[in-house]
N, C-alpha and C. Protein backbone atom coordinates (compact mmCIF):
# COMPACT_ATOMS: atom_id res chain seq x y z
N MET A 1 0.82 -1.13 0.00
CA MET A 1 0.00 0.02 -0.01
C MET A 1 0.84 1.26 0.00
N VAL A 2 1.84 1.35 0.85
CA VAL A 2 2.73 2.42 1.01
C VAL A 2 4.08 2.02 0.49
N LYS A 3 4.56 2.78 -0.58
CA LYS A 3 5.87 2.53 -1.10
C LYS A 3 6.91 3.21 -0.24
N ASN A 4 8.11 2.50 -0.28
CA ASN A 4 9.23 2.96 0.61
C ASN A 4 8.78 3.31 1.97
N THR A 5 8.29 2.34 2.62
CA THR A 5 7.79 2.51 4.05
C THR A 5 9.00 2.70 4.89
N PRO A 6 9.03 3.81 5.82
CA PRO A 6 10.20 4.02 6.70
C PRO A 6 10.14 2.87 7.76
N ILE A 7 11.05 1.96 7.64
CA ILE A 7 11.15 0.80 8.59
C ILE A 7 11.40 1.21 10.02
N SER A 8 12.32 2.21 10.19
CA SER A 8 12.63 2.67 11.56
C SER A 8 11.38 3.26 12.26
N VAL A 9 10.47 3.92 11.48
CA VAL A 9 9.37 4.61 12.03
C VAL A 9 8.35 3.56 12.57
N ILE A 10 8.22 2.33 11.96
CA ILE A 10 7.24 1.36 12.27
C ILE A 10 7.82 0.46 13.34
N SER A 11 9.06 0.11 13.19
CA SER A 11 9.56 -1.00 14.19
C SER A 11 9.72 -0.51 15.60
N ASP A 12 9.99 0.76 15.86
CA ASP A 12 10.27 1.23 17.17
C ASP A 12 8.96 1.42 17.93
N GLU A 13 8.77 0.54 18.98
CA GLU A 13 7.49 0.57 19.72
C GLU A 13 7.39 1.76 20.62
N GLU A 14 8.63 2.22 21.09
CA GLU A 14 8.64 3.35 22.06
C GLU A 14 8.61 4.69 21.27
N ASN A 15 8.52 4.68 20.01
CA ASN A 15 8.72 5.86 19.10
C ASN A 15 7.37 6.26 18.59
N ARG A 16 6.22 5.81 19.18
CA ARG A 16 4.97 5.99 18.59
C ARG A 16 4.35 7.37 18.69
N GLY A 17 5.05 8.17 19.57
CA GLY A 17 4.61 9.64 19.77
C GLY A 17 5.42 10.61 18.80
N SER A 18 6.33 10.08 18.13
CA SER A 18 7.16 10.96 17.34
C SER A 18 6.34 11.52 16.13
N VAL A 19 6.75 12.69 15.71
CA VAL A 19 6.03 13.31 14.56
C VAL A 19 5.93 12.42 13.35
N GLU A 20 7.13 11.76 13.02
CA GLU A 20 7.17 10.86 11.87
C GLU A 20 6.19 9.75 12.01
N PHE A 21 6.01 9.17 13.11
CA PHE A 21 5.05 8.03 13.27
C PHE A 21 3.66 8.55 13.08
N GLN A 22 3.35 9.73 13.70
CA GLN A 22 2.04 10.26 13.51
C GLN A 22 1.65 10.62 12.10
N VAL A 23 2.59 11.19 11.40
CA VAL A 23 2.39 11.53 9.98
C VAL A 23 2.24 10.25 9.16
N PHE A 24 2.98 9.21 9.51
CA PHE A 24 2.88 7.88 8.81
C PHE A 24 1.45 7.36 8.97
N CYS A 25 0.92 7.33 10.28
CA CYS A 25 -0.37 6.80 10.57
C CYS A 25 -1.47 7.64 9.89
N PHE A 26 -1.36 9.01 9.84
CA PHE A 26 -2.33 9.91 9.19
C PHE A 26 -2.31 9.60 7.71
N THR A 27 -1.17 9.37 7.19
CA THR A 27 -0.95 9.16 5.77
C THR A 27 -1.67 7.85 5.39
N ASN A 28 -1.63 6.78 6.14
CA ASN A 28 -2.31 5.53 5.95
C ASN A 28 -3.82 5.75 6.05
N LYS A 29 -4.26 6.47 6.99
CA LYS A 29 -5.68 6.81 7.11
C LYS A 29 -6.22 7.53 5.95
N ILE A 30 -5.43 8.57 5.46
CA ILE A 30 -5.82 9.39 4.27
C ILE A 30 -5.90 8.41 3.01
N ARG A 31 -5.00 7.64 2.82
CA ARG A 31 -5.05 6.76 1.68
C ARG A 31 -6.19 5.78 1.74
N ARG A 32 -6.55 5.18 2.97
CA ARG A 32 -7.70 4.37 3.11
C ARG A 32 -8.93 5.06 2.85
N LEU A 33 -9.12 6.30 3.36
CA LEU A 33 -10.31 7.13 3.22
C LEU A 33 -10.45 7.49 1.77
N THR A 34 -9.41 7.84 1.06
CA THR A 34 -9.52 8.25 -0.29
C THR A 34 -10.05 7.20 -1.17
N SER A 35 -9.50 5.99 -0.92
CA SER A 35 -10.04 4.78 -1.64
C SER A 35 -11.51 4.53 -1.36
N HIS A 36 -11.85 4.78 -0.13
CA HIS A 36 -13.30 4.53 0.23
C HIS A 36 -14.16 5.52 -0.49
N LEU A 37 -13.68 6.79 -0.51
CA LEU A 37 -14.60 7.86 -1.05
C LEU A 37 -14.63 7.67 -2.57
N GLU A 38 -13.74 7.00 -3.24
CA GLU A 38 -13.83 6.87 -4.71
C GLU A 38 -15.13 6.03 -5.00
N SER A 39 -15.50 5.07 -4.14
CA SER A 39 -16.66 4.30 -4.41
C SER A 39 -17.96 4.87 -3.67
N HIS A 40 -17.81 5.65 -2.69
CA HIS A 40 -18.89 6.16 -1.89
C HIS A 40 -18.78 7.74 -2.02
N LYS A 41 -19.20 8.24 -3.07
CA LYS A 41 -18.99 9.70 -3.35
C LYS A 41 -19.90 10.68 -2.48
N LYS A 42 -21.00 10.08 -1.94
CA LYS A 42 -21.86 10.97 -1.11
C LYS A 42 -21.72 10.80 0.35
N ASP A 43 -20.68 10.09 0.75
CA ASP A 43 -20.34 9.87 2.18
C ASP A 43 -19.74 11.13 2.71
N TYR A 44 -20.48 12.11 3.22
CA TYR A 44 -20.11 13.44 3.61
C TYR A 44 -19.37 13.40 4.91
N LEU A 45 -19.72 12.54 5.80
CA LEU A 45 -19.09 12.44 7.08
C LEU A 45 -17.67 11.90 6.91
N SER A 46 -17.44 10.99 6.02
CA SER A 46 -16.03 10.56 5.78
C SER A 46 -15.23 11.62 5.06
N GLN A 47 -15.81 12.42 4.19
CA GLN A 47 -15.23 13.54 3.59
C GLN A 47 -14.72 14.64 4.65
N ARG A 48 -15.61 14.79 5.65
CA ARG A 48 -15.31 15.73 6.75
C ARG A 48 -14.13 15.14 7.56
N GLY A 49 -14.15 13.86 7.88
CA GLY A 49 -13.01 13.21 8.54
C GLY A 49 -11.77 13.30 7.77
N LEU A 50 -11.74 13.13 6.49
CA LEU A 50 -10.66 13.21 5.68
C LEU A 50 -10.06 14.63 5.75
N ARG A 51 -10.86 15.69 5.62
CA ARG A 51 -10.31 17.00 5.68
C ARG A 51 -9.75 17.33 7.08
N LYS A 52 -10.34 16.77 8.14
CA LYS A 52 -9.76 17.02 9.45
C LYS A 52 -8.32 16.32 9.55
N ILE A 53 -8.23 15.06 9.06
CA ILE A 53 -6.99 14.39 9.09
C ILE A 53 -5.96 15.03 8.23
N LEU A 54 -6.30 15.53 7.06
CA LEU A 54 -5.44 16.32 6.17
C LEU A 54 -4.91 17.57 6.99
N GLY A 55 -5.74 18.21 7.66
CA GLY A 55 -5.28 19.41 8.33
C GLY A 55 -4.34 19.07 9.49
N LYS A 56 -4.64 18.00 10.13
CA LYS A 56 -3.71 17.64 11.17
C LYS A 56 -2.31 17.22 10.74
N ARG A 57 -2.35 16.47 9.57
CA ARG A 57 -1.04 16.06 8.99
C ARG A 57 -0.28 17.27 8.47
N GLN A 58 -0.98 18.28 7.89
CA GLN A 58 -0.40 19.47 7.38
C GLN A 58 0.26 20.27 8.52
N ARG A 59 -0.48 20.32 9.73
CA ARG A 59 0.08 21.09 10.79
C ARG A 59 1.40 20.35 11.38
N LEU A 60 1.31 18.99 11.42
CA LEU A 60 2.56 18.31 11.87
C LEU A 60 3.62 18.41 10.91
N LEU A 61 3.41 18.44 9.63
CA LEU A 61 4.50 18.49 8.73
C LEU A 61 5.06 19.98 8.76
N ALA A 62 4.24 20.95 8.89
CA ALA A 62 4.71 22.31 9.06
C ALA A 62 5.58 22.44 10.29
N TYR A 63 5.16 21.80 11.40
CA TYR A 63 6.03 21.82 12.54
C TYR A 63 7.40 21.23 12.41
N LEU A 64 7.36 20.03 11.67
CA LEU A 64 8.58 19.34 11.51
C LEU A 64 9.45 20.06 10.55
N ALA A 65 8.89 20.77 9.47
CA ALA A 65 9.72 21.50 8.52
C ALA A 65 10.36 22.62 9.21
N LYS A 66 9.65 23.19 10.26
CA LYS A 66 10.24 24.36 10.96
C LYS A 66 11.38 23.90 11.89
N LYS A 67 11.17 22.76 12.57
CA LYS A 67 12.17 22.40 13.57
C LYS A 67 13.38 21.61 12.95
N ASN A 68 13.13 20.76 11.96
CA ASN A 68 14.21 19.97 11.44
C ASN A 68 13.96 19.63 9.88
N ARG A 69 14.52 20.48 9.12
CA ARG A 69 14.26 20.40 7.62
C ARG A 69 14.69 19.08 7.01
N VAL A 70 15.80 18.57 7.59
CA VAL A 70 16.43 17.32 7.10
C VAL A 70 15.51 16.19 7.23
N ARG A 71 14.87 16.03 8.53
CA ARG A 71 13.96 14.95 8.91
C ARG A 71 12.69 15.12 8.03
N TYR A 72 12.35 16.36 7.82
CA TYR A 72 11.08 16.66 7.01
C TYR A 72 11.27 16.15 5.58
N LYS A 73 12.38 16.57 4.96
CA LYS A 73 12.59 16.11 3.58
C LYS A 73 12.67 14.57 3.37
N GLU A 74 13.36 14.00 4.42
CA GLU A 74 13.39 12.56 4.42
C GLU A 74 12.04 11.87 4.53
N LEU A 75 11.25 12.35 5.43
CA LEU A 75 9.91 11.84 5.68
C LEU A 75 9.03 11.95 4.36
N ILE A 76 8.98 13.06 3.85
CA ILE A 76 8.12 13.24 2.67
C ILE A 76 8.59 12.45 1.48
N GLY A 77 9.84 12.18 1.45
CA GLY A 77 10.48 11.35 0.34
C GLY A 77 10.05 9.84 0.61
N GLN A 78 10.08 9.49 1.87
CA GLN A 78 9.77 8.11 2.12
C GLN A 78 8.30 7.86 1.92
N LEU A 79 7.38 8.69 2.33
CA LEU A 79 5.99 8.56 2.11
C LEU A 79 5.49 8.95 0.81
N SER A 80 6.27 9.50 -0.01
CA SER A 80 5.94 9.99 -1.41
C SER A 80 4.66 10.80 -1.27
N ILE A 81 4.82 11.91 -0.50
CA ILE A 81 3.82 12.99 -0.50
C ILE A 81 4.46 14.28 -0.91
N ARG A 82 3.57 15.15 -1.36
CA ARG A 82 4.10 16.48 -1.88
C ARG A 82 4.52 17.34 -0.67
N GLU A 83 5.36 18.28 -1.08
CA GLU A 83 5.86 19.22 -0.04
C GLU A 83 4.73 20.28 0.19
N THR A 84 4.53 20.71 1.37
CA THR A 84 3.45 21.67 1.73
C THR A 84 4.02 22.98 1.19
N LYS A 85 2.95 23.88 0.86
CA LYS A 85 3.25 25.11 0.26
C LYS A 85 3.52 26.04 1.52
N THR A 86 4.44 26.99 1.33
CA THR A 86 4.84 27.90 2.31
C THR A 86 4.19 29.25 2.01
N ARG A 87 3.69 29.94 3.04
CA ARG A 87 3.06 31.21 2.82
C ARG A 87 4.06 32.38 2.78
């Protein structure tokens, strides 16, 4: 499902609170909800949930980009997601 999955993020049990792990979990949820919404176009509650998760992931990625640019670039490369726009 996820290409180039970061093994170190998944395997560390004590690392579940890290920003990388949270972004990884949100990305999995986003991909699952996106595939669900392709077949259920009028599921508005799932659309709302997807928008909320997207916002959470965006805020976490912005935080990581501000704190550690190298980890941010590595994470978006591993998860194959686009870089967030800066204002």
